[in-house]
Amino acid sequence: MEGLLLKYREAYSNELYRALEKMVAYLQGHYATIEHFNGKDELKFRCSGKTLFTLYLRRDRIQALVIFGEKEREAFETVRGQFPSHIQQYYNTSRTYHDGKWMWIDIVDENYVLEVLRLVGIKKKPNKASITMCGYRCDLCKAYVRNIRKHDQRAELVAVCG
């Protein structure tokens, strides 16, 4: 993932790159995601076998795709007034398909990041597992004692990590 981010660091303005970096860091820190990059411009964050969120890395902007099903649309309607007018406008003008409402949101600066991540939070609540002082989540760490299934795995990790 770091290599991919570095590639876009050169292509994007500082502000747009910081927005990308913040979104990726938040999603990796608060969700147990698997990232899929198609090699071109699509970065999907999958969680529990379903797509949580998709980023399209365009030349001059980042486009976020958030798909709300029926339950998410109902949840959004209850808190709609807490979102800025531009997010409400994206919601109002988005098309609804058989699998949900597809919201394509252009992220042009860091101000959009918080609102888009709030939309992701409506779709799926963040994990409560906290990030430790080392910067990683224990429930995802291969070196964490409870995650090691065999004693020989621990010996391998000690040899690699030092």
N, C-alpha and C. Protein backbone atom coordinates (compact mmCIF):
# COMPACT_ATOMS: atom_id res chain seq x y z
N MET A 1 0.82 -1.19 0.00
CA MET A 1 0.00 0.00 0.00
C MET A 1 0.87 1.26 0.00
N GLU A 2 2.01 1.19 0.71
CA GLU A 2 2.88 2.38 0.78
C GLU A 2 3.40 2.75 -0.60
N GLY A 3 3.75 1.73 -1.42
CA GLY A 3 4.24 1.99 -2.76
C GLY A 3 3.20 2.67 -3.63
N LEU A 4 1.97 2.25 -3.48
CA LEU A 4 0.87 2.86 -4.23
C LEU A 4 0.70 4.32 -3.82
N LEU A 5 0.73 4.57 -2.53
CA LEU A 5 0.58 5.95 -2.05
C LEU A 5 1.72 6.83 -2.54
N LEU A 6 2.94 6.29 -2.55
CA LEU A 6 4.08 7.08 -3.03
C LEU A 6 3.94 7.44 -4.50
N LYS A 7 3.38 6.53 -5.28
CA LYS A 7 3.15 6.80 -6.70
C LYS A 7 2.24 8.02 -6.88
N TYR A 8 1.20 8.10 -6.06
CA TYR A 8 0.26 9.21 -6.17
C TYR A 8 0.75 10.47 -5.47
N ARG A 9 1.72 10.34 -4.60
CA ARG A 9 2.29 11.54 -3.95
C ARG A 9 2.89 12.46 -5.00
N GLU A 10 3.53 11.87 -5.99
CA GLU A 10 4.15 12.67 -7.05
C GLU A 10 3.10 13.25 -8.00
N ALA A 11 1.98 12.55 -8.18
CA ALA A 11 0.97 12.97 -9.15
C ALA A 11 0.00 14.02 -8.59
N TYR A 12 -0.25 13.98 -7.30
CA TYR A 12 -1.26 14.87 -6.71
C TYR A 12 -0.64 16.08 -6.04
N SER A 13 -1.47 17.10 -5.85
CA SER A 13 -1.04 18.25 -5.05
C SER A 13 -0.88 17.79 -3.60
N ASN A 14 -0.20 18.57 -2.80
CA ASN A 14 0.01 18.20 -1.39
C ASN A 14 -1.31 18.01 -0.66
N GLU A 15 -2.25 18.90 -0.91
CA GLU A 15 -3.54 18.84 -0.22
C GLU A 15 -4.33 17.59 -0.61
N LEU A 16 -4.34 17.26 -1.88
CA LEU A 16 -5.06 16.08 -2.35
C LEU A 16 -4.39 14.80 -1.86
N TYR A 17 -3.07 14.79 -1.85
CA TYR A 17 -2.35 13.62 -1.34
C TYR A 17 -2.62 13.42 0.16
N ARG A 18 -2.64 14.50 0.93
CA ARG A 18 -2.95 14.38 2.36
C ARG A 18 -4.35 13.83 2.57
N ALA A 19 -5.29 14.23 1.72
CA ALA A 19 -6.66 13.70 1.82
C ALA A 19 -6.66 12.19 1.57
N LEU A 20 -5.94 11.75 0.55
CA LEU A 20 -5.84 10.31 0.26
C LEU A 20 -5.19 9.57 1.42
N GLU A 21 -4.11 10.12 1.92
CA GLU A 21 -3.39 9.49 3.03
C GLU A 21 -4.26 9.37 4.28
N LYS A 22 -5.04 10.41 4.58
CA LYS A 22 -5.91 10.38 5.75
C LYS A 22 -7.00 9.32 5.62
N MET A 23 -7.59 9.24 4.43
CA MET A 23 -8.66 8.24 4.22
C MET A 23 -8.12 6.83 4.37
N VAL A 24 -6.99 6.55 3.73
CA VAL A 24 -6.41 5.21 3.78
C VAL A 24 -6.02 4.86 5.22
N ALA A 25 -5.38 5.78 5.93
CA ALA A 25 -4.97 5.53 7.31
C ALA A 25 -6.17 5.29 8.21
N TYR A 26 -7.22 6.07 8.04
CA TYR A 26 -8.42 5.88 8.86
C TYR A 26 -9.05 4.52 8.60
N LEU A 27 -9.20 4.17 7.34
CA LEU A 27 -9.84 2.88 7.01
C LEU A 27 -9.01 1.71 7.50
N GLN A 28 -7.70 1.79 7.36
CA GLN A 28 -6.84 0.71 7.83
C GLN A 28 -6.82 0.62 9.35
N GLY A 29 -6.96 1.75 10.03
CA GLY A 29 -6.90 1.76 11.49
C GLY A 29 -8.22 1.43 12.17
N HIS A 30 -9.34 1.64 11.49
CA HIS A 30 -10.64 1.45 12.13
C HIS A 30 -11.48 0.31 11.56
N TYR A 31 -11.01 -0.31 10.49
CA TYR A 31 -11.74 -1.43 9.90
C TYR A 31 -10.74 -2.53 9.55
N ALA A 32 -11.18 -3.76 9.64
CA ALA A 32 -10.35 -4.88 9.21
C ALA A 32 -10.59 -5.06 7.72
N THR A 33 -9.90 -4.25 6.91
CA THR A 33 -10.14 -4.25 5.47
C THR A 33 -9.08 -5.01 4.71
N ILE A 34 -9.47 -5.42 3.54
CA ILE A 34 -8.55 -5.97 2.55
C ILE A 34 -8.61 -5.00 1.38
N GLU A 35 -7.46 -4.48 0.98
CA GLU A 35 -7.42 -3.52 -0.11
C GLU A 35 -7.15 -4.23 -1.43
N HIS A 36 -7.89 -3.84 -2.46
CA HIS A 36 -7.70 -4.37 -3.80
C HIS A 36 -7.46 -3.20 -4.75
N PHE A 37 -6.31 -3.21 -5.43
CA PHE A 37 -6.02 -2.19 -6.43
C PHE A 37 -6.03 -2.86 -7.79
N ASN A 38 -6.75 -2.28 -8.75
CA ASN A 38 -6.89 -2.92 -10.05
C ASN A 38 -5.71 -2.65 -10.98
N GLY A 39 -4.70 -1.94 -10.50
CA GLY A 39 -3.53 -1.65 -11.31
C GLY A 39 -3.67 -0.40 -12.15
N LYS A 40 -4.85 0.18 -12.16
CA LYS A 40 -5.08 1.37 -12.97
C LYS A 40 -5.46 2.56 -12.09
N ASP A 41 -6.72 2.56 -11.59
CA ASP A 41 -7.17 3.71 -10.82
C ASP A 41 -8.19 3.39 -9.73
N GLU A 42 -8.51 2.12 -9.53
CA GLU A 42 -9.56 1.74 -8.59
C GLU A 42 -8.96 1.07 -7.35
N LEU A 43 -9.26 1.63 -6.18
CA LEU A 43 -8.79 1.08 -4.91
C LEU A 43 -10.01 0.75 -4.06
N LYS A 44 -10.27 -0.56 -3.90
CA LYS A 44 -11.44 -1.01 -3.13
C LYS A 44 -11.00 -1.42 -1.74
N PHE A 45 -11.83 -1.08 -0.78
CA PHE A 45 -11.64 -1.52 0.60
C PHE A 45 -12.77 -2.49 0.90
N ARG A 46 -12.41 -3.76 1.11
CA ARG A 46 -13.41 -4.79 1.36
C ARG A 46 -13.34 -5.20 2.83
N CYS A 47 -14.51 -5.47 3.37
CA CYS A 47 -14.63 -5.82 4.78
C CYS A 47 -15.69 -6.92 4.88
N SER A 48 -15.35 -8.03 5.47
CA SER A 48 -16.28 -9.16 5.64
C SER A 48 -16.84 -9.63 4.30
N GLY A 49 -16.01 -9.63 3.26
CA GLY A 49 -16.42 -10.12 1.96
C GLY A 49 -17.24 -9.16 1.13
N LYS A 50 -17.48 -7.96 1.62
CA LYS A 50 -18.27 -6.97 0.88
C LYS A 50 -17.45 -5.70 0.71
N THR A 51 -17.75 -4.97 -0.35
CA THR A 51 -17.06 -3.71 -0.58
C THR A 51 -17.59 -2.66 0.38
N LEU A 52 -16.70 -2.13 1.18
CA LEU A 52 -17.05 -1.09 2.14
C LEU A 52 -17.03 0.28 1.46
N PHE A 53 -16.04 0.47 0.59
CA PHE A 53 -15.76 1.81 0.09
C PHE A 53 -14.82 1.67 -1.09
N THR A 54 -14.97 2.50 -2.09
CA THR A 54 -14.08 2.46 -3.25
C THR A 54 -13.58 3.86 -3.55
N LEU A 55 -12.28 3.96 -3.84
CA LEU A 55 -11.68 5.22 -4.26
C LEU A 55 -11.23 5.08 -5.71
N TYR A 56 -11.52 6.10 -6.50
CA TYR A 56 -11.05 6.16 -7.88
C TYR A 56 -10.04 7.29 -7.94
N LEU A 57 -8.81 6.93 -8.23
CA LEU A 57 -7.70 7.87 -8.19
C LEU A 57 -7.53 8.50 -9.58
N ARG A 58 -8.22 9.60 -9.80
CA ARG A 58 -8.19 10.32 -11.09
C ARG A 58 -6.98 11.24 -11.13
N ARG A 59 -6.72 11.82 -12.28
CA ARG A 59 -5.55 12.68 -12.42
C ARG A 59 -5.61 13.92 -11.54
N ASP A 60 -6.77 14.58 -11.52
CA ASP A 60 -6.87 15.86 -10.82
C ASP A 60 -7.72 15.81 -9.56
N ARG A 61 -8.25 14.65 -9.25
CA ARG A 61 -9.11 14.53 -8.08
C ARG A 61 -9.20 13.06 -7.66
N ILE A 62 -9.79 12.87 -6.50
CA ILE A 62 -10.10 11.52 -6.03
C ILE A 62 -11.61 11.43 -6.00
N GLN A 63 -12.13 10.34 -6.52
CA GLN A 63 -13.57 10.14 -6.50
C GLN A 63 -13.87 8.98 -5.57
N ALA A 64 -14.77 9.22 -4.62
CA ALA A 64 -15.16 8.18 -3.67
C ALA A 64 -16.52 7.63 -4.09
N LEU A 65 -16.66 6.33 -4.00
CA LEU A 65 -17.95 5.69 -4.27
C LEU A 65 -18.42 5.03 -2.98
N VAL A 66 -19.55 5.51 -2.48
CA VAL A 66 -20.18 4.94 -1.30
C VAL A 66 -21.55 4.45 -1.75
N ILE A 67 -21.83 3.19 -1.51
CA ILE A 67 -23.12 2.62 -1.91
C ILE A 67 -23.92 2.33 -0.66
N PHE A 68 -25.09 2.95 -0.57
CA PHE A 68 -25.99 2.75 0.57
C PHE A 68 -27.13 1.82 0.16
N GLY A 69 -27.30 0.77 0.94
CA GLY A 69 -28.47 -0.08 0.79
C GLY A 69 -29.66 0.57 1.49
N GLU A 70 -30.74 -0.17 1.60
CA GLU A 70 -31.97 0.38 2.17
C GLU A 70 -31.78 0.82 3.62
N LYS A 71 -31.13 -0.01 4.43
CA LYS A 71 -30.94 0.33 5.85
C LYS A 71 -30.04 1.55 6.01
N GLU A 72 -29.00 1.63 5.18
CA GLU A 72 -28.10 2.78 5.27
C GLU A 72 -28.81 4.07 4.85
N ARG A 73 -29.67 3.97 3.84
CA ARG A 73 -30.42 5.16 3.42
C ARG A 73 -31.34 5.65 4.52
N GLU A 74 -31.98 4.72 5.22
CA GLU A 74 -32.85 5.09 6.35
C GLU A 74 -32.02 5.75 7.45
N ALA A 75 -30.83 5.19 7.73
CA ALA A 75 -29.96 5.76 8.76
C ALA A 75 -29.49 7.16 8.35
N PHE A 76 -29.17 7.35 7.09
CA PHE A 76 -28.74 8.66 6.62
C PHE A 76 -29.87 9.68 6.75
N GLU A 77 -31.07 9.28 6.42
CA GLU A 77 -32.21 10.21 6.49
C GLU A 77 -32.42 10.74 7.90
N THR A 78 -32.10 9.93 8.92
CA THR A 78 -32.28 10.39 10.30
C THR A 78 -31.24 11.44 10.71
N VAL A 79 -30.05 11.41 10.09
CA VAL A 79 -28.99 12.36 10.45
C VAL A 79 -28.65 13.31 9.31
N ARG A 80 -29.47 13.34 8.31
CA ARG A 80 -29.25 14.14 7.10
C ARG A 80 -28.88 15.59 7.41
N GLY A 81 -29.55 16.22 8.34
CA GLY A 81 -29.31 17.61 8.68
C GLY A 81 -27.95 17.88 9.26
N GLN A 82 -27.25 16.86 9.72
CA GLN A 82 -25.92 17.03 10.30
C GLN A 82 -24.82 17.08 9.25
N PHE A 83 -25.18 16.80 8.00
CA PHE A 83 -24.21 16.82 6.91
C PHE A 83 -24.29 18.15 6.17
N PRO A 84 -23.16 18.62 5.63
CA PRO A 84 -23.18 19.87 4.88
C PRO A 84 -24.04 19.75 3.62
N SER A 85 -24.41 20.87 3.08
CA SER A 85 -25.32 20.89 1.93
C SER A 85 -24.74 20.19 0.71
N HIS A 86 -23.41 20.26 0.51
CA HIS A 86 -22.85 19.61 -0.68
C HIS A 86 -22.95 18.08 -0.58
N ILE A 87 -22.85 17.52 0.61
CA ILE A 87 -23.02 16.06 0.77
C ILE A 87 -24.49 15.69 0.57
N GLN A 88 -25.38 16.51 1.09
CA GLN A 88 -26.81 16.25 0.88
C GLN A 88 -27.15 16.34 -0.61
N GLN A 89 -26.50 17.24 -1.32
CA GLN A 89 -26.73 17.38 -2.76
C GLN A 89 -26.25 16.13 -3.50
N TYR A 90 -25.08 15.60 -3.11
CA TYR A 90 -24.60 14.35 -3.70
C TYR A 90 -25.62 13.24 -3.46
N TYR A 91 -26.13 13.18 -2.24
CA TYR A 91 -27.12 12.15 -1.90
C TYR A 91 -28.39 12.31 -2.75
N ASN A 92 -28.88 13.53 -2.86
CA ASN A 92 -30.12 13.79 -3.60
C ASN A 92 -29.99 13.47 -5.09
N THR A 93 -28.84 13.75 -5.67
CA THR A 93 -28.67 13.57 -7.12
C THR A 93 -28.14 12.20 -7.50
N SER A 94 -27.81 11.36 -6.53
CA SER A 94 -27.29 10.02 -6.83
C SER A 94 -28.41 9.10 -7.31
N ARG A 95 -28.03 8.21 -8.21
CA ARG A 95 -29.00 7.26 -8.75
C ARG A 95 -29.14 6.06 -7.81
N THR A 96 -30.34 5.54 -7.76
CA THR A 96 -30.61 4.35 -6.96
C THR A 96 -30.79 3.17 -7.91
N TYR A 97 -30.00 2.14 -7.69
CA TYR A 97 -30.06 0.93 -8.48
C TYR A 97 -30.65 -0.18 -7.62
N HIS A 98 -30.71 -1.39 -8.18
CA HIS A 98 -31.30 -2.52 -7.45
C HIS A 98 -30.51 -2.85 -6.18
N ASP A 99 -29.21 -2.54 -6.16
CA ASP A 99 -28.39 -2.87 -5.00
C ASP A 99 -28.13 -1.68 -4.08
N GLY A 100 -28.69 -0.53 -4.37
CA GLY A 100 -28.53 0.61 -3.48
C GLY A 100 -28.32 1.92 -4.19
N LYS A 101 -28.11 2.95 -3.40
CA LYS A 101 -27.88 4.31 -3.90
C LYS A 101 -26.38 4.51 -4.05
N TRP A 102 -25.95 4.80 -5.27
CA TRP A 102 -24.54 4.97 -5.58
C TRP A 102 -24.17 6.44 -5.51
N MET A 103 -23.38 6.82 -4.52
CA MET A 103 -22.96 8.20 -4.35
C MET A 103 -21.51 8.36 -4.81
N TRP A 104 -21.32 9.08 -5.90
CA TRP A 104 -20.00 9.40 -6.42
C TRP A 104 -19.65 10.79 -5.90
N ILE A 105 -18.67 10.85 -5.02
CA ILE A 105 -18.32 12.11 -4.38
C ILE A 105 -16.90 12.51 -4.79
N ASP A 106 -16.77 13.70 -5.37
CA ASP A 106 -15.46 14.22 -5.75
C ASP A 106 -14.77 14.80 -4.52
N ILE A 107 -13.59 14.28 -4.23
CA ILE A 107 -12.81 14.79 -3.11
C ILE A 107 -11.72 15.67 -3.70
N VAL A 108 -11.88 16.96 -3.51
CA VAL A 108 -10.93 17.90 -4.09
C VAL A 108 -9.97 18.46 -3.05
N ASP A 109 -10.30 18.29 -1.76
CA ASP A 109 -9.39 18.72 -0.70
C ASP A 109 -9.73 17.97 0.58
N GLU A 110 -8.98 18.27 1.64
CA GLU A 110 -9.13 17.55 2.91
C GLU A 110 -10.48 17.79 3.59
N ASN A 111 -11.17 18.86 3.25
CA ASN A 111 -12.44 19.17 3.90
C ASN A 111 -13.50 18.11 3.63
N TYR A 112 -13.38 17.41 2.53
CA TYR A 112 -14.36 16.38 2.18
C TYR A 112 -14.12 15.06 2.91
N VAL A 113 -12.91 14.85 3.38
CA VAL A 113 -12.53 13.56 3.96
C VAL A 113 -13.40 13.18 5.15
N LEU A 114 -13.56 14.07 6.10
CA LEU A 114 -14.33 13.77 7.30
C LEU A 114 -15.77 13.38 6.96
N GLU A 115 -16.37 14.11 6.04
CA GLU A 115 -17.77 13.83 5.68
C GLU A 115 -17.91 12.49 4.97
N VAL A 116 -16.97 12.19 4.09
CA VAL A 116 -17.02 10.90 3.39
C VAL A 116 -16.82 9.76 4.38
N LEU A 117 -15.90 9.93 5.32
CA LEU A 117 -15.68 8.88 6.32
C LEU A 117 -16.88 8.73 7.25
N ARG A 118 -17.61 9.81 7.48
CA ARG A 118 -18.86 9.71 8.26
C ARG A 118 -19.89 8.88 7.49
N LEU A 119 -19.92 9.03 6.17
CA LEU A 119 -20.81 8.21 5.35
C LEU A 119 -20.43 6.73 5.44
N VAL A 120 -19.13 6.47 5.41
CA VAL A 120 -18.65 5.09 5.56
C VAL A 120 -19.05 4.54 6.93
N GLY A 121 -19.01 5.40 7.95
CA GLY A 121 -19.43 5.00 9.30
C GLY A 121 -20.90 4.64 9.38
N ILE A 122 -21.73 5.24 8.54
CA ILE A 122 -23.14 4.86 8.48
C ILE A 122 -23.27 3.48 7.86
N LYS A 123 -22.45 3.22 6.87
CA LYS A 123 -22.49 1.92 6.18
C LYS A 123 -22.05 0.79 7.10
N LYS A 124 -20.97 1.02 7.84
CA LYS A 124 -20.47 0.02 8.79
C LYS A 124 -19.77 0.75 9.92
N LYS A 125 -20.15 0.43 11.12
CA LYS A 125 -19.54 1.06 12.30
C LYS A 125 -18.07 0.64 12.39
N PRO A 126 -17.19 1.56 12.79
CA PRO A 126 -15.77 1.21 12.95
C PRO A 126 -15.57 0.18 14.05
N ASN A 127 -14.51 -0.61 13.91
CA ASN A 127 -14.17 -1.58 14.94
C ASN A 127 -13.77 -0.85 16.21
N LYS A 128 -14.06 -1.46 17.33
CA LYS A 128 -13.72 -0.83 18.61
C LYS A 128 -12.30 -1.15 19.05
N ALA A 129 -11.64 -2.05 18.32
CA ALA A 129 -10.27 -2.38 18.68
C ALA A 129 -9.41 -1.14 18.53
N SER A 130 -8.61 -0.88 19.53
CA SER A 130 -7.82 0.34 19.50
C SER A 130 -6.45 0.09 18.88
N ILE A 131 -5.86 1.17 18.44
CA ILE A 131 -4.50 1.11 17.92
C ILE A 131 -3.55 1.30 19.09
N THR A 132 -2.54 0.46 19.18
CA THR A 132 -1.62 0.51 20.31
C THR A 132 -0.50 1.50 20.04
N MET A 133 0.43 1.60 20.97
CA MET A 133 1.53 2.53 20.85
C MET A 133 2.42 2.23 19.65
N CYS A 134 2.47 0.97 19.22
CA CYS A 134 3.30 0.64 18.06
C CYS A 134 2.65 1.08 16.76
N GLY A 135 1.38 1.46 16.81
CA GLY A 135 0.70 1.95 15.62
C GLY A 135 -0.13 0.91 14.90
N TYR A 136 -0.18 -0.30 15.43
CA TYR A 136 -0.94 -1.36 14.79
C TYR A 136 -2.05 -1.85 15.71
N ARG A 137 -3.05 -2.44 15.09
CA ARG A 137 -4.14 -3.02 15.87
C ARG A 137 -3.77 -4.43 16.28
N CYS A 138 -3.92 -4.74 17.55
CA CYS A 138 -3.54 -6.05 18.06
C CYS A 138 -4.33 -7.19 17.41
N ASP A 139 -5.60 -6.95 17.11
CA ASP A 139 -6.40 -8.03 16.54
C ASP A 139 -5.98 -8.38 15.10
N LEU A 140 -5.17 -7.54 14.46
CA LEU A 140 -4.68 -7.83 13.12
C LEU A 140 -3.19 -8.15 13.09
N CYS A 141 -2.51 -7.99 14.21
CA CYS A 141 -1.07 -8.16 14.26
C CYS A 141 -0.69 -9.63 14.32
N LYS A 142 0.23 -10.04 13.44
CA LYS A 142 0.68 -11.44 13.43
C LYS A 142 1.58 -11.75 14.62
N ALA A 143 2.17 -10.74 15.21
CA ALA A 143 3.07 -10.95 16.34
C ALA A 143 2.33 -10.99 17.69
N TYR A 144 1.05 -10.65 17.71
CA TYR A 144 0.29 -10.63 18.95
C TYR A 144 0.05 -12.07 19.41
N VAL A 145 0.30 -12.35 20.67
CA VAL A 145 0.28 -13.71 21.22
C VAL A 145 -1.02 -14.44 20.91
N ARG A 146 -2.16 -13.79 21.07
CA ARG A 146 -3.44 -14.47 20.85
C ARG A 146 -3.70 -14.82 19.38
N ASN A 147 -2.99 -14.17 18.47
CA ASN A 147 -3.19 -14.43 17.05
C ASN A 147 -2.28 -15.54 16.52
N ILE A 148 -1.31 -15.97 17.31
CA ILE A 148 -0.39 -17.02 16.87
C ILE A 148 -1.00 -18.37 17.18
N ARG A 149 -1.14 -19.17 16.15
CA ARG A 149 -1.82 -20.46 16.30
C ARG A 149 -0.88 -21.59 16.69
N LYS A 150 0.37 -21.48 16.32
CA LYS A 150 1.33 -22.54 16.62
C LYS A 150 2.60 -21.91 17.21
N HIS A 151 3.29 -22.71 18.01
CA HIS A 151 4.52 -22.21 18.63
C HIS A 151 5.62 -21.96 17.60
N ASP A 152 5.64 -22.75 16.51
CA ASP A 152 6.66 -22.54 15.50
C ASP A 152 6.46 -21.22 14.75
N GLN A 153 5.23 -20.72 14.70
CA GLN A 153 4.99 -19.41 14.10
C GLN A 153 5.67 -18.32 14.93
N ARG A 154 5.60 -18.47 16.24
CA ARG A 154 6.22 -17.48 17.12
C ARG A 154 7.72 -17.44 16.90
N ALA A 155 8.35 -18.61 16.74
CA ALA A 155 9.79 -18.66 16.52
C ALA A 155 10.16 -17.98 15.20
N GLU A 156 9.34 -18.18 14.16
CA GLU A 156 9.57 -17.52 12.87
C GLU A 156 9.50 -16.00 13.01
N LEU A 157 8.51 -15.53 13.74
CA LEU A 157 8.32 -14.09 13.92
C LEU A 157 9.47 -13.47 14.70
N VAL A 158 9.95 -14.18 15.71
CA VAL A 158 11.07 -13.69 16.51
C VAL A 158 12.32 -13.58 15.61
N ALA A 159 12.51 -14.57 14.73
CA ALA A 159 13.67 -14.54 13.85
C ALA A 159 13.59 -13.37 12.87
N VAL A 160 12.40 -13.07 12.36
CA VAL A 160 12.22 -12.00 11.39
C VAL A 160 12.28 -10.64 12.07
N CYS A 161 11.56 -10.51 13.18
CA CYS A 161 11.45 -9.22 13.86
C CYS A 161 12.66 -8.89 14.72
N GLY A 162 13.37 -9.88 15.12
CA GLY A 162 14.57 -9.62 15.92
C GLY A 162 14.25 -9.66 17.32
